[in-house]
PDB file of all heavy atoms in Angstrom:
ATOM      1  N   PRO A   1      16.865  -1.805 -10.272  1.00  0.00           N
ATOM      2  CA  PRO A   1      15.557  -2.412 -10.001  1.00  0.00           C
ATOM      3  C   PRO A   1      14.857  -1.800  -8.802  1.00  0.00           C
ATOM      4  O   PRO A   1      13.684  -2.054  -8.578  1.00  0.00           O
ATOM      5  CB  PRO A   1      15.907  -3.885  -9.738  1.00  0.00           C
ATOM      6  CG  PRO A   1      17.315  -3.862  -9.262  1.00  0.00           C
ATOM      7  CD  PRO A   1      17.963  -2.744 -10.034  1.00  0.00           C
ATOM      8  N   TYR A   2      15.577  -0.990  -8.022  1.00  0.00           N
ATOM      9  CA  TYR A   2      14.989  -0.387  -6.834  1.00  0.00           C
ATOM     10  C   TYR A   2      14.713   1.098  -7.017  1.00  0.00           C
ATOM     11  O   TYR A   2      14.401   1.801  -6.071  1.00  0.00           O
ATOM     12  CB  TYR A   2      15.899  -0.600  -5.629  1.00  0.00           C
ATOM     13  CG  TYR A   2      16.276  -2.040  -5.451  1.00  0.00           C
ATOM     14  CD1 TYR A   2      17.600  -2.440  -5.442  1.00  0.00           C
ATOM     15  CD2 TYR A   2      15.294  -3.017  -5.330  1.00  0.00           C
ATOM     16  CE1 TYR A   2      17.943  -3.778  -5.291  1.00  0.00           C
ATOM     17  CE2 TYR A   2      15.626  -4.356  -5.187  1.00  0.00           C
ATOM     18  CZ  TYR A   2      16.943  -4.720  -5.167  1.00  0.00           C
ATOM     19  OH  TYR A   2      17.288  -6.039  -5.031  1.00  0.00           O
ATOM     20  N   ARG A   3      14.812   1.579  -8.268  1.00  0.00           N
ATOM     21  CA  ARG A   3      14.549   2.982  -8.530  1.00  0.00           C
ATOM     22  C   ARG A   3      13.622   3.078  -9.733  1.00  0.00           C
ATOM     23  O   ARG A   3      13.996   2.734 -10.849  1.00  0.00           O
ATOM     24  CB  ARG A   3      15.842   3.730  -8.805  1.00  0.00           C
ATOM     25  CG  ARG A   3      15.660   5.250  -8.839  1.00  0.00           C
ATOM     26  CD  ARG A   3      16.986   5.940  -9.081  1.00  0.00           C
ATOM     27  NE  ARG A   3      16.854   7.372  -8.909  1.00  0.00           N
ATOM     28  CZ  ARG A   3      17.801   8.242  -9.250  1.00  0.00           C
ATOM     29  NH1 ARG A   3      18.934   7.817  -9.755  1.00  0.00           N
ATOM     30  NH2 ARG A   3      17.618   9.523  -9.060  1.00  0.00           N
ATOM     31  N   ARG A   4      12.406   3.534  -9.509  1.00  0.00           N
ATOM     32  CA  ARG A   4      11.413   3.599 -10.563  1.00  0.00           C
ATOM     33  C   ARG A   4      10.827   4.997 -10.653  1.00  0.00           C
ATOM     34  O   ARG A   4      10.657   5.680  -9.657  1.00  0.00           O
ATOM     35  CB  ARG A   4      10.275   2.605 -10.293  1.00  0.00           C
ATOM     36  CG  ARG A   4      10.719   1.148 -10.220  1.00  0.00           C
ATOM     37  CD  ARG A   4      11.181   0.650 -11.550  1.00  0.00           C
ATOM     38  NE  ARG A   4      11.472  -0.780 -11.508  1.00  0.00           N
ATOM     39  CZ  ARG A   4      12.400  -1.369 -12.234  1.00  0.00           C
ATOM     40  NH1 ARG A   4      13.147  -0.663 -13.042  1.00  0.00           N
ATOM     41  NH2 ARG A   4      12.589  -2.672 -12.166  1.00  0.00           N
ATOM     42  N   ARG A   5      10.503   5.402 -11.857  1.00  0.00           N
ATOM     43  CA  ARG A   5       9.830   6.675 -12.060  1.00  0.00           C
ATOM     44  C   ARG A   5       8.324   6.447 -12.125  1.00  0.00           C
ATOM     45  O   ARG A   5       7.858   5.399 -12.565  1.00  0.00           O
ATOM     46  CB  ARG A   5      10.307   7.345 -13.359  1.00  0.00           C
ATOM     47  CG  ARG A   5      11.795   7.714 -13.327  1.00  0.00           C
ATOM     48  CD  ARG A   5      12.188   8.429 -14.588  1.00  0.00           C
ATOM     49  NE  ARG A   5      13.613   8.744 -14.593  1.00  0.00           N
ATOM     50  CZ  ARG A   5      14.144   9.795 -14.015  1.00  0.00           C
ATOM     51  NH1 ARG A   5      13.358  10.622 -13.353  1.00  0.00           N
ATOM     52  NH2 ARG A   5      15.437  10.020 -14.071  1.00  0.00           N
ATOM     53  N   GLY A   6       7.549   7.453 -11.712  1.00  0.00           N
ATOM     54  CA  GLY A   6       6.109   7.347 -11.778  1.00  0.00           C
ATOM     55  C   GLY A   6       5.544   6.445 -10.687  1.00  0.00           C
ATOM     56  O   GLY A   6       6.242   6.008  -9.790  1.00  0.00           O
ATOM     57  N   ARG A   7       4.270   6.179 -10.788  1.00  0.00           N
ATOM     58  CA  ARG A   7       3.603   5.379  -9.778  1.00  0.00           C
ATOM     59  C   ARG A   7       3.978   3.913  -9.903  1.00  0.00           C
ATOM     60  O   ARG A   7       4.136   3.386 -10.994  1.00  0.00           O
ATOM     61  CB  ARG A   7       2.087   5.529  -9.902  1.00  0.00           C
ATOM     62  CG  ARG A   7       1.586   6.881  -9.413  1.00  0.00           C
ATOM     63  CD  ARG A   7       0.084   6.852  -9.247  1.00  0.00           C
ATOM     64  NE  ARG A   7      -0.389   8.043  -8.550  1.00  0.00           N
ATOM     65  CZ  ARG A   7      -1.639   8.207  -8.150  1.00  0.00           C
ATOM     66  NH1 ARG A   7      -2.525   7.246  -8.374  1.00  0.00           N
ATOM     67  NH2 ARG A   7      -2.009   9.306  -7.521  1.00  0.00           N
ATOM     68  N   THR A   8       4.110   3.285  -8.756  1.00  0.00           N
ATOM     69  CA  THR A   8       4.412   1.860  -8.717  1.00  0.00           C
ATOM     70  C   THR A   8       3.104   1.091  -8.610  1.00  0.00           C
ATOM     71  O   THR A   8       2.341   1.311  -7.682  1.00  0.00           O
ATOM     72  CB  THR A   8       5.311   1.537  -7.509  1.00  0.00           C
ATOM     73  OG1 THR A   8       6.497   2.311  -7.597  1.00  0.00           O
ATOM     74  CG2 THR A   8       5.664   0.066  -7.485  1.00  0.00           C
ATOM     75  N   PRO A   9       2.823   0.203  -9.558  1.00  0.00           N
ATOM     76  CA  PRO A   9       1.568  -0.551  -9.466  1.00  0.00           C
ATOM     77  C   PRO A   9       1.583  -1.500  -8.269  1.00  0.00           C
ATOM     78  O   PRO A   9       2.593  -2.137  -7.991  1.00  0.00           O
ATOM     79  CB  PRO A   9       1.521  -1.318 -10.795  1.00  0.00           C
ATOM     80  CG  PRO A   9       2.958  -1.419 -11.230  1.00  0.00           C
ATOM     81  CD  PRO A   9       3.616  -0.162 -10.735  1.00  0.00           C
ATOM     82  N   ILE A  10       0.467  -1.550  -7.555  1.00  0.00           N
ATOM     83  CA  ILE A  10       0.319  -2.450  -6.422  1.00  0.00           C
ATOM     84  C   ILE A  10      -0.621  -3.579  -6.838  1.00  0.00           C
ATOM     85  O   ILE A  10      -1.732  -3.330  -7.320  1.00  0.00           O
ATOM     86  CB  ILE A  10      -0.264  -1.718  -5.197  1.00  0.00           C
ATOM     87  CG1 ILE A  10       0.583  -0.485  -4.836  1.00  0.00           C
ATOM     88  CG2 ILE A  10      -0.389  -2.661  -4.010  1.00  0.00           C
ATOM     89  CD1 ILE A  10       2.012  -0.781  -4.484  1.00  0.00           C
ATOM     90  N   ALA A  11      -0.181  -4.814  -6.684  1.00  0.00           N
ATOM     91  CA  ALA A  11      -1.010  -5.956  -7.043  1.00  0.00           C
ATOM     92  C   ALA A  11      -2.303  -5.940  -6.233  1.00  0.00           C
ATOM     93  O   ALA A  11      -2.300  -5.582  -5.057  1.00  0.00           O
ATOM     94  CB  ALA A  11      -0.249  -7.252  -6.814  1.00  0.00           C
ATOM     95  N   ALA A  12      -3.402  -6.350  -6.871  1.00  0.00           N
ATOM     96  CA  ALA A  12      -4.711  -6.290  -6.224  1.00  0.00           C
ATOM     97  C   ALA A  12      -4.748  -7.102  -4.934  1.00  0.00           C
ATOM     98  O   ALA A  12      -5.293  -6.650  -3.919  1.00  0.00           O
ATOM     99  CB  ALA A  12      -5.786  -6.773  -7.190  1.00  0.00           C
ATOM    100  N   ASP A  13      -4.148  -8.294  -4.957  1.00  0.00           N
ATOM    101  CA  ASP A  13      -4.192  -9.117  -3.746  1.00  0.00           C
ATOM    102  C   ASP A  13      -3.370  -8.510  -2.625  1.00  0.00           C
ATOM    103  O   ASP A  13      -3.731  -8.618  -1.448  1.00  0.00           O
ATOM    104  CB  ASP A  13      -3.719 -10.546  -4.051  1.00  0.00           C
ATOM    105  CG  ASP A  13      -2.308 -10.602  -4.587  1.00  0.00           C
ATOM    106  OD1 ASP A  13      -1.795  -9.578  -5.092  1.00  0.00           O
ATOM    107  OD2 ASP A  13      -1.699 -11.687  -4.512  1.00  0.00           O
ATOM    108  N   GLU A  14      -2.281  -7.829  -2.967  1.00  0.00           N
ATOM    109  CA  GLU A  14      -1.475  -7.166  -1.951  1.00  0.00           C
ATOM    110  C   GLU A  14      -2.193  -5.945  -1.382  1.00  0.00           C
ATOM    111  O   GLU A  14      -2.133  -5.672  -0.182  1.00  0.00           O
ATOM    112  CB  GLU A  14      -0.121  -6.764  -2.531  1.00  0.00           C
ATOM    113  CG  GLU A  14       0.864  -7.903  -2.648  1.00  0.00           C
ATOM    114  CD  GLU A  14       1.320  -8.377  -1.273  1.00  0.00           C
ATOM    115  OE1 GLU A  14       2.275  -7.812  -0.740  1.00  0.00           O
ATOM    116  OE2 GLU A  14       0.697  -9.310  -0.718  1.00  0.00           O
ATOM    117  N   ALA A  15      -2.873  -5.193  -2.240  1.00  0.00           N
ATOM    118  CA  ALA A  15      -3.636  -4.035  -1.760  1.00  0.00           C
ATOM    119  C   ALA A  15      -4.707  -4.475  -0.766  1.00  0.00           C
ATOM    120  O   ALA A  15      -4.927  -3.823   0.265  1.00  0.00           O
ATOM    121  CB  ALA A  15      -4.270  -3.300  -2.938  1.00  0.00           C
ATOM    122  N   LEU A  16      -5.348  -5.593  -1.046  1.00  0.00           N
ATOM    123  CA  LEU A  16      -6.360  -6.113  -0.129  1.00  0.00           C
ATOM    124  C   LEU A  16      -5.726  -6.611   1.171  1.00  0.00           C
ATOM    125  O   LEU A  16      -6.278  -6.428   2.258  1.00  0.00           O
ATOM    126  CB  LEU A  16      -7.130  -7.243  -0.794  1.00  0.00           C
ATOM    127  CG  LEU A  16      -8.180  -6.822  -1.831  1.00  0.00           C
ATOM    128  CD1 LEU A  16      -8.699  -8.032  -2.587  1.00  0.00           C
ATOM    129  CD2 LEU A  16      -9.326  -6.087  -1.153  1.00  0.00           C
ATOM    130  N   ARG A  17      -4.550  -7.233   1.054  1.00  0.00           N
ATOM    131  CA  ARG A  17      -3.888  -7.800   2.240  1.00  0.00           C
ATOM    132  C   ARG A  17      -3.559  -6.721   3.262  1.00  0.00           C
ATOM    133  O   ARG A  17      -3.630  -6.958   4.473  1.00  0.00           O
ATOM    134  CB  ARG A  17      -2.609  -8.537   1.816  1.00  0.00           C
ATOM    135  CG  ARG A  17      -1.865  -9.192   2.972  1.00  0.00           C
ATOM    136  CD  ARG A  17      -0.635  -9.948   2.483  1.00  0.00           C
ATOM    137  NE  ARG A  17       0.427  -9.068   2.046  1.00  0.00           N
ATOM    138  CZ  ARG A  17       1.361  -8.540   2.862  1.00  0.00           C
ATOM    139  NH1 ARG A  17       1.330  -8.813   4.156  1.00  0.00           N
ATOM    140  NH2 ARG A  17       2.313  -7.766   2.376  1.00  0.00           N
ATOM    141  N   VAL A  18      -3.168  -5.535   2.808  1.00  0.00           N
ATOM    142  CA  VAL A  18      -2.708  -4.488   3.732  1.00  0.00           C
ATOM    143  C   VAL A  18      -3.761  -3.418   3.991  1.00  0.00           C
ATOM    144  O   VAL A  18      -3.493  -2.462   4.721  1.00  0.00           O
ATOM    145  CB  VAL A  18      -1.407  -3.832   3.206  1.00  0.00           C
ATOM    146  CG1 VAL A  18      -0.322  -4.877   2.984  1.00  0.00           C
ATOM    147  CG2 VAL A  18      -1.662  -3.035   1.929  1.00  0.00           C
ATOM    148  N   ALA A  19      -4.949  -3.547   3.412  1.00  0.00           N
ATOM    149  CA  ALA A  19      -5.962  -2.484   3.538  1.00  0.00           C
ATOM    150  C   ALA A  19      -6.288  -2.170   4.988  1.00  0.00           C
ATOM    151  O   ALA A  19      -6.347  -1.005   5.397  1.00  0.00           O
ATOM    152  CB  ALA A  19      -7.225  -2.876   2.773  1.00  0.00           C
ATOM    153  N   ALA A  20      -6.513  -3.207   5.798  1.00  0.00           N
ATOM    154  CA  ALA A  20      -6.860  -2.972   7.208  1.00  0.00           C
ATOM    155  C   ALA A  20      -5.689  -2.390   7.989  1.00  0.00           C
ATOM    156  O   ALA A  20      -5.883  -1.628   8.938  1.00  0.00           O
ATOM    157  CB  ALA A  20      -7.346  -4.264   7.851  1.00  0.00           C
ATOM    158  N   SER A  21      -4.465  -2.742   7.601  1.00  0.00           N
ATOM    159  CA  SER A  21      -3.293  -2.179   8.279  1.00  0.00           C
ATOM    160  C   SER A  21      -3.205  -0.680   8.032  1.00  0.00           C
ATOM    161  O   SER A  21      -2.963   0.108   8.961  1.00  0.00           O
ATOM    162  CB  SER A  21      -2.022  -2.879   7.794  1.00  0.00           C
ATOM    163  OG  SER A  21      -1.956  -4.205   8.278  1.00  0.00           O
ATOM    164  N   ILE A  22      -3.406  -0.263   6.784  1.00  0.00           N
ATOM    165  CA  ILE A  22      -3.372   1.168   6.488  1.00  0.00           C
ATOM    166  C   ILE A  22      -4.529   1.872   7.200  1.00  0.00           C
ATOM    167  O   ILE A  22      -4.369   2.976   7.738  1.00  0.00           O
ATOM    168  CB  ILE A  22      -3.405   1.407   4.972  1.00  0.00           C
ATOM    169  CG1 ILE A  22      -2.150   0.813   4.317  1.00  0.00           C
ATOM    170  CG2 ILE A  22      -3.499   2.902   4.662  1.00  0.00           C
ATOM    171  CD1 ILE A  22      -2.151   0.845   2.810  1.00  0.00           C
ATOM    172  N   GLY A  23      -5.691   1.226   7.239  1.00  0.00           N
ATOM    173  CA  GLY A  23      -6.798   1.785   8.017  1.00  0.00           C
ATOM    174  C   GLY A  23      -6.419   1.958   9.475  1.00  0.00           C
ATOM    175  O   GLY A  23      -6.774   2.950  10.118  1.00  0.00           O
ATOM    176  N   GLY A  24      -5.665   0.990  10.011  1.00  0.00           N
ATOM    177  CA  GLY A  24      -5.205   1.084  11.391  1.00  0.00           C
ATOM    178  C   GLY A  24      -4.241   2.221  11.619  1.00  0.00           C
ATOM    179  O   GLY A  24      -4.222   2.829  12.699  1.00  0.00           O
ATOM    180  N   TYR A  25      -3.425   2.549  10.615  1.00  0.00           N
ATOM    181  CA  TYR A  25      -2.541   3.707  10.741  1.00  0.00           C
ATOM    182  C   TYR A  25      -3.371   4.977  10.952  1.00  0.00           C
ATOM    183  O   TYR A  25      -3.049   5.824  11.792  1.00  0.00           O
ATOM    184  CB  TYR A  25      -1.665   3.869   9.501  1.00  0.00           C
ATOM    185  CG  TYR A  25      -0.740   2.717   9.194  1.00  0.00           C
ATOM    186  CD1 TYR A  25      -0.331   2.471   7.883  1.00  0.00           C
ATOM    187  CD2 TYR A  25      -0.267   1.866  10.189  1.00  0.00           C
ATOM    188  CE1 TYR A  25       0.532   1.414   7.577  1.00  0.00           C
ATOM    189  CE2 TYR A  25       0.583   0.812   9.895  1.00  0.00           C
ATOM    190  CZ  TYR A  25       0.980   0.591   8.579  1.00  0.00           C
ATOM    191  OH  TYR A  25       1.826  -0.453   8.274  1.00  0.00           O
ATOM    192  N   TRP A  26      -4.454   5.106  10.175  1.00  0.00           N
ATOM    193  CA  TRP A  26      -5.306   6.286  10.313  1.00  0.00           C
ATOM    194  C   TRP A  26      -5.918   6.389  11.706  1.00  0.00           C
ATOM    195  O   TRP A  26      -6.207   7.495  12.181  1.00  0.00           O
ATOM    196  CB  TRP A  26      -6.428   6.253   9.269  1.00  0.00           C
ATOM    197  CG  TRP A  26      -6.000   6.591   7.880  1.00  0.00           C
ATOM    198  CD1 TRP A  26      -5.999   5.763   6.795  1.00  0.00           C
ATOM    199  CD2 TRP A  26      -5.508   7.851   7.411  1.00  0.00           C
ATOM    200  NE1 TRP A  26      -5.531   6.424   5.681  1.00  0.00           N
ATOM    201  CE2 TRP A  26      -5.225   7.712   6.030  1.00  0.00           C
ATOM    202  CE3 TRP A  26      -5.280   9.086   8.019  1.00  0.00           C
ATOM    203  CZ2 TRP A  26      -4.725   8.756   5.257  1.00  0.00           C
ATOM    204  CZ3 TRP A  26      -4.779  10.127   7.253  1.00  0.00           C
ATOM    205  CH2 TRP A  26      -4.509   9.959   5.888  1.00  0.00           C
ATOM    206  N   SER A  27      -6.111   5.265  12.378  1.00  0.00           N
ATOM    207  CA  SER A  27      -6.744   5.295  13.700  1.00  0.00           C
ATOM    208  C   SER A  27      -5.919   6.060  14.723  1.00  0.00           C
ATOM    209  O   SER A  27      -6.447   6.494  15.745  1.00  0.00           O
ATOM    210  CB  SER A  27      -6.974   3.867  14.204  1.00  0.00           C
ATOM    211  OG  SER A  27      -5.763   3.260  14.618  1.00  0.00           O
ATOM    212  N   ALA A  28      -4.625   6.203  14.469  1.00  0.00           N
ATOM    213  CA  ALA A  28      -3.742   6.900  15.405  1.00  0.00           C
ATOM    214  C   ALA A  28      -3.760   8.411  15.212  1.00  0.00           C
ATOM    215  O   ALA A  28      -3.118   9.137  15.975  1.00  0.00           O
ATOM    216  CB  ALA A  28      -2.318   6.381  15.272  1.00  0.00           C
ATOM    217  N   THR A  29      -4.468   8.889  14.196  1.00  0.00           N
ATOM    218  CA  THR A  29      -4.548  10.333  13.949  1.00  0.00           C
ATOM    219  C   THR A  29      -5.899  10.845  14.421  1.00  0.00           C
ATOM    220  O   THR A  29      -6.935  10.233  14.139  1.00  0.00           O
ATOM    221  CB  THR A  29      -4.377  10.655  12.451  1.00  0.00           C
ATOM    222  OG1 THR A  29      -5.457  10.073  11.712  1.00  0.00           O
ATOM    223  CG2 THR A  29      -3.061  10.110  11.937  1.00  0.00           C
TER     224      THR A  29
END
């Protein structure tokens, strides 16, 4: 269950929940 081929789908609500965090990662570059 922890090994998948291809792209892993990300739930829409989860993608929204972490969007600002990923944006914050970019701020350090």
